[in-house]
Each structure stands twice: as C-alpha cells, then as structure tokens.
Amino acid sequence: MIWRRLFGGGGSADAPRWIVIDTETSGLVVERDALLAIGGVAVTADGVVPGDSFEVVVRNEAGSSNENIVVHGIGRQAQAEGVPMSTALLAFAQWAGDAPAAAFHAPFDRGVLARAFRVAGVPLPDRAWLDLAPLASVLNPPDPKKPPPGLDDWLERYEIDCAGRHHAAGDALATAELLLHLRVEARREGANDFAGLVRLAKQQRWLAGSGAGGAA
C-alpha cells in the first residue's frame, strides 16, 4: 500500500497521545540517503492504538540499490510510484500533530525527517523525542563485553512478534509494543510520564560516557 492513514479507534479520550515512528531509507547516512517510507502508530495510557496509525511510501525516482531493496522490500517501481515528498510530509505532520515521538535509535529517524522536511521546504513541527535504545539499556543493563543490543535483541527478550520487520509500519508497531514493556518497567524507577522516560534514557548515556555501563 502506497499511502495509508487511519484515525480514531480505541483509547480514552483524555489519555495523552504519544506516537512511535519508524523510517525506511536508501542507506544509513542521514545527510545523504533518501527517505523511502514513514510508519507510525499512536500509543495512549490504554496501550497501542492500531486504528490511529500512519504509513506512506515516499516517491524516489532514482531508486535505491538492490542490497537496500532486499532489506526493506520497497522495489524501484513502488519507489517511483510513491507519494511526492511534500505531500507525504504534510500528511504525516497532520497525523502526528503535536504528540511527542518515540523511536528506536531516535536520533536517526529524527534526523532523516528533519532533512526531508528541510529539503521539501515543509515546516517541521516541533516535538519531544524519546530514544528507546538507551531507555531499554538503562532498565536492563546489557553485558558491556558484548555488542550493544539492537532492536531484534529487545524484541526477542520481550517475546514481541514483528511480522513486517524492516517495513516502516511493522517496525513502528513492534517498537510501540516495546515501549509498552519499557513503560511498565520505568514506572518502578519513578518515571511516570514522557518527560520521565526521557530523563531515564539520558541516564544511560551518562553511564556509558563515564564507563559505568553498557553502550547505547
């Protein structure tokens, strides 16, 4: 599906709305590679709200490499027939509203989106961001002698199934499920809101920098 927006459904009307975001790109260099897709789903105090979700494939007429296509499955024809960048970003901004955002390795997704908004000349809405990678590590300190755990490691730990791994919508949904698990654990540390989770995630970066904990 090239473009899907779904609104409403589930969740308490007065529950704070957070969004979980995942992007697919033509590579891993924020300032060079193209944005190919955006996936997102809302989370409230009641849990994940599948009916409040967003998915778009962004037009990329140049197409990405064969190796890259193998990862995300967005072929050159699908990229060429995607939604124009400005249209996709305006639709995403409308869906996202002013909700705070969470992502796994959030600086990458945040950077990719910021560059895309800048290049397209579309105003970039300001919002708070939460990086689930350091949050997961501060709540479950990894072995410092091993490589930092990735998203697949945390999904396995919490037995979260991701049917569409490396697809923006599927990864966003799985990441939202991870957020729910981490949110429960964070409450035991006194982090009861979005700002509290952000502060807790920053603790992991401080520990890593001081040599007292694992890498993010």
C-alpha atoms as a PDB file:
ATOM      1  CA  MET A   1       0.000   0.000   0.000  1.00  0.00           C
ATOM      2  CA  ILE A   2       1.492   3.340  -1.045  1.00  0.00           C
ATOM      3  CA  TRP A   3      -0.304   5.542   1.457  1.00  0.00           C
ATOM      4  CA  ARG A   4      -2.500   4.707   4.411  1.00  0.00           C
ATOM      5  CA  ARG A   5      -3.851   6.970   7.126  1.00  0.00           C
ATOM      6  CA  LEU A   6      -6.125   5.578   9.792  1.00  0.00           C
ATOM      7  CA  PHE A   7      -7.600   7.727  12.520  1.00  0.00           C
ATOM      8  CA  GLY A   8      -9.568   7.072  15.688  1.00  0.00           C
ATOM      9  CA  GLY A   9     -10.438   3.820  17.345  1.00  0.00           C
ATOM     10  CA  GLY A  10      -9.638   2.750  20.908  1.00  0.00           C
ATOM     11  CA  GLY A  11      -8.022   4.682  23.719  1.00  0.00           C
ATOM     12  CA  SER A  12      -9.508   7.036  26.283  1.00  0.00           C
ATOM     13  CA  ALA A  13     -10.429  10.481  25.017  1.00  0.00           C
ATOM     14  CA  ASP A  14      -8.427  12.178  27.794  1.00  0.00           C
ATOM     15  CA  ALA A  15      -5.374   9.877  27.567  1.00  0.00           C
ATOM     16  CA  PRO A  16      -2.137  11.571  26.461  1.00  0.00           C
ATOM     17  CA  ARG A  17      -1.263  10.551  22.901  1.00  0.00           C
ATOM     18  CA  TRP A  18       2.281   9.541  22.004  1.00  0.00           C
ATOM     19  CA  ILE A  19       3.413   8.387  18.567  1.00  0.00           C
ATOM     20  CA  VAL A  20       6.004   5.746  17.706  1.00  0.00           C
ATOM     21  CA  ILE A  21       7.820   6.330  14.418  1.00  0.00           C
ATOM     22  CA  ASP A  22       9.989   4.281  12.078  1.00  0.00           C
ATOM     23  CA  THR A  23      11.530   5.361   8.793  1.00  0.00           C
ATOM     24  CA  GLU A  24      12.969   3.371   5.902  1.00  0.00           C
ATOM     25  CA  THR A  25      15.765   4.946   3.883  1.00  0.00           C
ATOM     26  CA  SER A  26      18.071   4.181   0.971  1.00  0.00           C
ATOM     27  CA  GLY A  27      21.021   3.957   3.360  1.00  0.00           C
ATOM     28  CA  LEU A  28      22.272   4.885   6.805  1.00  0.00           C
ATOM     29  CA  VAL A  29      23.747   8.339   6.139  1.00  0.00           C
ATOM     30  CA  VAL A  30      21.253  10.931   7.373  1.00  0.00           C
ATOM     31  CA  GLU A  31      22.579  13.811   5.250  1.00  0.00           C
ATOM     32  CA  ARG A  32      22.818  11.814   2.020  1.00  0.00           C
ATOM     33  CA  ASP A  33      20.346   8.931   1.738  1.00  0.00           C
ATOM     34  CA  ALA A  34      16.724   9.232   0.657  1.00  0.00           C
ATOM     35  CA  LEU A  35      13.651   8.834   2.832  1.00  0.00           C
ATOM     36  CA  LEU A  36      11.616   5.964   1.366  1.00  0.00           C
ATOM     37  CA  ALA A  37       8.829   5.342   3.877  1.00  0.00           C
ATOM     38  CA  ILE A  38       7.377   6.521   7.167  1.00  0.00           C
ATOM     39  CA  GLY A  39       5.405   4.331   9.544  1.00  0.00           C
ATOM     40  CA  GLY A  40       3.783   5.387  12.774  1.00  0.00           C
ATOM     41  CA  VAL A  41       1.275   4.294  15.376  1.00  0.00           C
ATOM     42  CA  ALA A  42      -0.214   6.036  18.388  1.00  0.00           C
ATOM     43  CA  VAL A  43       0.119   4.910  21.988  1.00  0.00           C
ATOM     44  CA  THR A  44      -2.019   6.041  24.915  1.00  0.00           C
ATOM     45  CA  ALA A  45      -2.274   5.015  28.556  1.00  0.00           C
ATOM     46  CA  ASP A  46      -4.524   2.183  27.349  1.00  0.00           C
ATOM     47  CA  GLY A  47      -1.867   0.770  25.020  1.00  0.00           C
ATOM     48  CA  VAL A  48      -1.195   0.735  21.283  1.00  0.00           C
ATOM     49  CA  VAL A  49      -3.984   2.199  19.131  1.00  0.00           C
ATOM     50  CA  PRO A  50      -3.759   0.363  15.771  1.00  0.00           C
ATOM     51  CA  GLY A  51      -6.637   2.417  14.379  1.00  0.00           C
ATOM     52  CA  ASP A  52      -4.577   5.588  14.866  1.00  0.00           C
ATOM     53  CA  SER A  53      -1.696   4.862  12.518  1.00  0.00           C
ATOM     54  CA  PHE A  54       0.139   6.209   9.501  1.00  0.00           C
ATOM     55  CA  GLU A  55       2.016   4.666   6.593  1.00  0.00           C
ATOM     56  CA  VAL A  56       3.400   6.213   3.430  1.00  0.00           C
ATOM     57  CA  VAL A  57       5.885   5.277   0.717  1.00  0.00           C
ATOM     58  CA  VAL A  58       7.679   8.389  -0.497  1.00  0.00           C
ATOM     59  CA  ARG A  59       8.489   8.923  -4.178  1.00  0.00           C
ATOM     60  CA  ASN A  60      12.130   8.262  -5.055  1.00  0.00           C
ATOM     61  CA  GLU A  61      12.538   8.186  -8.818  1.00  0.00           C
ATOM     62  CA  ALA A  62      16.257   7.391  -8.621  1.00  0.00           C
ATOM     63  CA  GLY A  63      15.544   4.132  -6.802  1.00  0.00           C
ATOM     64  CA  SER A  64      17.820   2.539  -4.218  1.00  0.00           C
ATOM     65  CA  SER A  65      20.372  -0.244  -4.553  1.00  0.00           C
ATOM     66  CA  ASN A  66      19.458  -3.915  -4.854  1.00  0.00           C
ATOM     67  CA  GLU A  67      21.046  -4.583  -1.464  1.00  0.00           C
ATOM     68  CA  ASN A  68      18.942  -1.848   0.104  1.00  0.00           C
ATOM     69  CA  ILE A  69      15.731  -3.111  -1.500  1.00  0.00           C
ATOM     70  CA  VAL A  70      16.369  -6.576  -0.064  1.00  0.00           C
ATOM     71  CA  VAL A  71      16.282  -5.035   3.430  1.00  0.00           C
ATOM     72  CA  HIS A  72      13.016  -3.068   3.253  1.00  0.00           C
ATOM     73  CA  GLY A  73      11.273  -4.670   0.278  1.00  0.00           C
ATOM     74  CA  ILE A  74      10.293  -1.382  -1.384  1.00  0.00           C
ATOM     75  CA  GLY A  75      11.089  -2.027  -5.034  1.00  0.00           C
ATOM     76  CA  ARG A  76      12.063   0.593  -7.589  1.00  0.00           C
ATOM     77  CA  GLN A  77       8.589   0.693  -9.125  1.00  0.00           C
ATOM     78  CA  ALA A  78       6.987   1.229  -5.712  1.00  0.00           C
ATOM     79  CA  GLN A  79       9.512   3.986  -5.012  1.00  0.00           C
ATOM     80  CA  ALA A  80       8.848   5.651  -8.364  1.00  0.00           C
ATOM     81  CA  GLU A  81       5.070   5.488  -7.773  1.00  0.00           C
ATOM     82  CA  GLY A  82       5.290   6.764  -4.189  1.00  0.00           C
ATOM     83  CA  VAL A  83       3.679   9.893  -2.807  1.00  0.00           C
ATOM     84  CA  PRO A  84       5.504  13.160  -3.594  1.00  0.00           C
ATOM     85  CA  MET A  85       7.725  14.180  -0.679  1.00  0.00           C
ATOM     86  CA  SER A  86       5.922  17.404   0.254  1.00  0.00           C
ATOM     87  CA  THR A  87       2.509  15.704   0.149  1.00  0.00           C
ATOM     88  CA  ALA A  88       3.744  12.804   2.266  1.00  0.00           C
ATOM     89  CA  LEU A  89       5.332  15.087   4.855  1.00  0.00           C
ATOM     90  CA  LEU A  90       2.286  17.332   5.133  1.00  0.00           C
ATOM     91  CA  ALA A  91       0.096  14.270   5.669  1.00  0.00           C
ATOM     92  CA  PHE A  92       2.500  12.930   8.274  1.00  0.00           C
ATOM     93  CA  ALA A  93       2.564  16.274  10.094  1.00  0.00           C
ATOM     94  CA  GLN A  94      -1.246  16.348  10.119  1.00  0.00           C
ATOM     95  CA  TRP A  95      -1.415  12.833  11.571  1.00  0.00           C
ATOM     96  CA  ALA A  96       1.351  13.377  14.115  1.00  0.00           C
ATOM     97  CA  GLY A  97       0.005  16.656  15.435  1.00  0.00           C
ATOM     98  CA  ASP A  98       1.963  17.866  18.461  1.00  0.00           C
ATOM     99  CA  ALA A  99       2.312  14.419  20.043  1.00  0.00           C
ATOM    100  CA  PRO A 100       5.723  13.504  21.482  1.00  0.00           C
ATOM    101  CA  ALA A 101       7.522  10.834  19.470  1.00  0.00           C
ATOM    102  CA  ALA A 102       9.418   7.680  20.356  1.00  0.00           C
ATOM    103  CA  ALA A 103      11.675   5.558  18.156  1.00  0.00           C
ATOM    104  CA  PHE A 104      14.468   3.020  18.472  1.00  0.00           C
ATOM    105  CA  HIS A 105      17.655   4.981  17.731  1.00  0.00           C
ATOM    106  CA  ALA A 106      15.507   8.097  17.582  1.00  0.00           C
ATOM    107  CA  PRO A 107      18.314  10.471  16.514  1.00  0.00           C
ATOM    108  CA  PHE A 108      18.437   8.685  13.151  1.00  0.00           C
ATOM    109  CA  ASP A 109      14.690   8.892  12.455  1.00  0.00           C
ATOM    110  CA  ARG A 110      14.557  12.439  13.779  1.00  0.00           C
ATOM    111  CA  GLY A 111      17.495  13.454  11.580  1.00  0.00           C
ATOM    112  CA  VAL A 112      16.082  11.774   8.477  1.00  0.00           C
ATOM    113  CA  LEU A 113      12.739  13.504   8.918  1.00  0.00           C
ATOM    114  CA  ALA A 114      14.324  16.883   9.685  1.00  0.00           C
ATOM    115  CA  ARG A 115      16.386  16.716   6.477  1.00  0.00           C
ATOM    116  CA  ALA A 116      13.372  15.637   4.420  1.00  0.00           C
ATOM    117  CA  PHE A 117      11.234  18.483   5.773  1.00  0.00           C
ATOM    118  CA  ARG A 118      14.084  20.945   5.110  1.00  0.00           C
ATOM    119  CA  VAL A 119      14.704  19.765   1.539  1.00  0.00           C
ATOM    120  CA  ALA A 120      10.981  19.730   0.739  1.00  0.00           C
ATOM    121  CA  GLY A 121      10.510  23.210   2.175  1.00  0.00           C
ATOM    122  CA  VAL A 122       7.779  21.983   4.513  1.00  0.00           C
ATOM    123  CA  PRO A 123       7.536  23.458   8.038  1.00  0.00           C
ATOM    124  CA  LEU A 124       8.816  20.967  10.615  1.00  0.00           C
ATOM    125  CA  PRO A 125       6.566  20.639  13.677  1.00  0.00           C
ATOM    126  CA  ASP A 126       8.453  20.799  16.961  1.00  0.00           C
ATOM    127  CA  ARG A 127       8.067  17.837  19.297  1.00  0.00           C
ATOM    128  CA  ALA A 128       9.822  15.980  22.101  1.00  0.00           C
ATOM    129  CA  TRP A 129      11.602  12.730  21.207  1.00  0.00           C
ATOM    130  CA  LEU A 130      12.358   9.614  23.243  1.00  0.00           C
ATOM    131  CA  ASP A 131      15.073   7.155  22.208  1.00  0.00           C
ATOM    132  CA  LEU A 132      14.102   3.631  23.254  1.00  0.00           C
ATOM    133  CA  ALA A 133      17.604   2.213  22.705  1.00  0.00           C
ATOM    134  CA  PRO A 134      19.205   3.861  25.761  1.00  0.00           C
ATOM    135  CA  LEU A 135      15.964   3.545  27.737  1.00  0.00           C
ATOM    136  CA  ALA A 136      15.948  -0.235  27.261  1.00  0.00           C
ATOM    137  CA  SER A 137      19.602  -0.435  28.302  1.00  0.00           C
ATOM    138  CA  VAL A 138      19.222   1.616  31.462  1.00  0.00           C
ATOM    139  CA  LEU A 139      16.281  -0.541  32.540  1.00  0.00           C
ATOM    140  CA  ASN A 140      18.050  -3.786  31.558  1.00  0.00           C
ATOM    141  CA  PRO A 141      21.822  -3.155  31.686  1.00  0.00           C
ATOM    142  CA  PRO A 142      23.472  -5.192  28.921  1.00  0.00           C
ATOM    143  CA  ASP A 143      26.756  -7.050  29.163  1.00  0.00           C
ATOM    144  CA  PRO A 144      29.428  -4.389  28.471  1.00  0.00           C
ATOM    145  CA  LYS A 145      31.644  -7.074  26.943  1.00  0.00           C
ATOM    146  CA  LYS A 146      29.110  -7.752  24.183  1.00  0.00           C
ATOM    147  CA  PRO A 147      27.951  -5.535  21.293  1.00  0.00           C
ATOM    148  CA  PRO A 148      25.115  -3.155  22.214  1.00  0.00           C
ATOM    149  CA  PRO A 149      21.753  -4.894  21.811  1.00  0.00           C
ATOM    150  CA  GLY A 150      19.741  -3.918  18.745  1.00  0.00           C
ATOM    151  CA  LEU A 151      16.002  -3.811  18.194  1.00  0.00           C
ATOM    152  CA  ASP A 152      15.859  -7.507  17.306  1.00  0.00           C
ATOM    153  CA  ASP A 153      17.514  -8.365  20.619  1.00  0.00           C
ATOM    154  CA  TRP A 154      14.934  -6.428  22.620  1.00  0.00           C
ATOM    155  CA  LEU A 155      12.034  -7.829  20.615  1.00  0.00           C
ATOM    156  CA  GLU A 156      13.297 -11.316  21.373  1.00  0.00           C
ATOM    157  CA  ARG A 157      13.744 -10.512  25.062  1.00  0.00           C
ATOM    158  CA  TYR A 158      10.132  -9.362  25.406  1.00  0.00           C
ATOM    159  CA  GLU A 159       8.783 -12.002  23.000  1.00  0.00           C
ATOM    160  CA  ILE A 160       7.391  -9.380  20.630  1.00  0.00           C
ATOM    161  CA  ASP A 161       6.481 -10.675  17.192  1.00  0.00           C
ATOM    162  CA  CYS A 162       7.236  -8.405  14.233  1.00  0.00           C
ATOM    163  CA  ALA A 163       5.644  -9.786  11.092  1.00  0.00           C
ATOM    164  CA  GLY A 164       6.928  -6.911   8.931  1.00  0.00           C
ATOM    165  CA  ARG A 165      10.496  -6.396  10.158  1.00  0.00           C
ATOM    166  CA  HIS A 166      12.294  -3.618   8.246  1.00  0.00           C
ATOM    167  CA  HIS A 167       8.962  -2.347   6.945  1.00  0.00           C
ATOM    168  CA  ALA A 168       8.190   1.056   8.444  1.00  0.00           C
ATOM    169  CA  ALA A 169       4.664   0.232   9.636  1.00  0.00           C
ATOM    170  CA  GLY A 170       5.627  -3.182  11.027  1.00  0.00           C
ATOM    171  CA  ASP A 171       8.688  -1.850  12.817  1.00  0.00           C
ATOM    172  CA  ALA A 172       6.694   1.036  14.273  1.00  0.00           C
ATOM    173  CA  LEU A 173       4.103  -1.372  15.668  1.00  0.00           C
ATOM    174  CA  ALA A 174       6.738  -3.680  17.166  1.00  0.00           C
ATOM    175  CA  THR A 175       8.596  -0.693  18.617  1.00  0.00           C
ATOM    176  CA  ALA A 176       5.339   0.537  20.158  1.00  0.00           C
ATOM    177  CA  GLU A 177       4.934  -2.845  21.859  1.00  0.00           C
ATOM    178  CA  LEU A 178       8.484  -2.492  23.178  1.00  0.00           C
ATOM    179  CA  LEU A 179       7.617   0.951  24.519  1.00  0.00           C
ATOM    180  CA  LEU A 180       4.720  -0.528  26.492  1.00  0.00           C
ATOM    181  CA  HIS A 181       7.031  -3.046  28.189  1.00  0.00           C
ATOM    182  CA  LEU A 182       9.624  -0.401  28.967  1.00  0.00           C
ATOM    183  CA  ARG A 183       6.983   1.987  30.268  1.00  0.00           C
ATOM    184  CA  VAL A 184       5.841  -0.583  32.830  1.00  0.00           C
ATOM    185  CA  GLU A 185       9.420  -1.175  33.983  1.00  0.00           C
ATOM    186  CA  ALA A 186      10.158   2.562  34.076  1.00  0.00           C
ATOM    187  CA  ARG A 187       7.306   3.181  36.499  1.00  0.00           C
ATOM    188  CA  ARG A 188       9.203   1.115  39.061  1.00  0.00           C
ATOM    189  CA  GLU A 189      12.023   3.653  38.690  1.00  0.00           C
ATOM    190  CA  GLY A 190       9.637   6.548  39.267  1.00  0.00           C
ATOM    191  CA  ALA A 191       9.307   7.550  35.593  1.00  0.00           C
ATOM    192  CA  ASN A 192       5.575   8.003  35.134  1.00  0.00           C
ATOM    193  CA  ASP A 193       5.329  10.268  32.096  1.00  0.00           C
ATOM    194  CA  PHE A 194       7.063  11.008  28.803  1.00  0.00           C
ATOM    195  CA  ALA A 195       9.480  13.514  30.322  1.00  0.00           C
ATOM    196  CA  GLY A 196      10.381  10.979  32.987  1.00  0.00           C
ATOM    197  CA  LEU A 197      11.215   8.373  30.354  1.00  0.00           C
ATOM    198  CA  VAL A 198      13.412  10.870  28.512  1.00  0.00           C
ATOM    199  CA  ARG A 199      15.299  11.661  31.731  1.00  0.00           C
ATOM    200  CA  LEU A 200      15.745   7.959  32.424  1.00  0.00           C
ATOM    201  CA  ALA A 201      17.083   7.326  28.905  1.00  0.00           C
ATOM    202  CA  LYS A 202      19.635  10.121  29.360  1.00  0.00           C
ATOM    203  CA  GLN A 203      20.984   8.331  32.430  1.00  0.00           C
ATOM    204  CA  GLN A 204      22.200   5.501  30.192  1.00  0.00           C
ATOM    205  CA  ARG A 205      24.171   7.920  28.049  1.00  0.00           C
ATOM    206  CA  TRP A 206      25.781   9.386  31.176  1.00  0.00           C
ATOM    207  CA  LEU A 207      26.693   5.931  32.490  1.00  0.00           C
ATOM    208  CA  ALA A 208      28.113   4.902  29.121  1.00  0.00           C
ATOM    209  CA  GLY A 209      30.170   8.069  28.948  1.00  0.00           C
ATOM    210  CA  SER A 210      31.556   7.509  32.450  1.00  0.00           C
ATOM    211  CA  GLY A 211      32.437   3.896  31.700  1.00  0.00           C
ATOM    212  CA  ALA A 212      29.959   2.620  34.306  1.00  0.00           C
ATOM    213  CA  GLY A 213      27.525   0.998  31.928  1.00  0.00           C
ATOM    214  CA  GLY A 214      26.977  -0.582  28.522  1.00  0.00           C
ATOM    215  CA  ALA A 215      26.924   1.312  25.254  1.00  0.00           C
ATOM    216  CA  ALA A 216      23.691   2.654  23.786  1.00  0.00           C
END
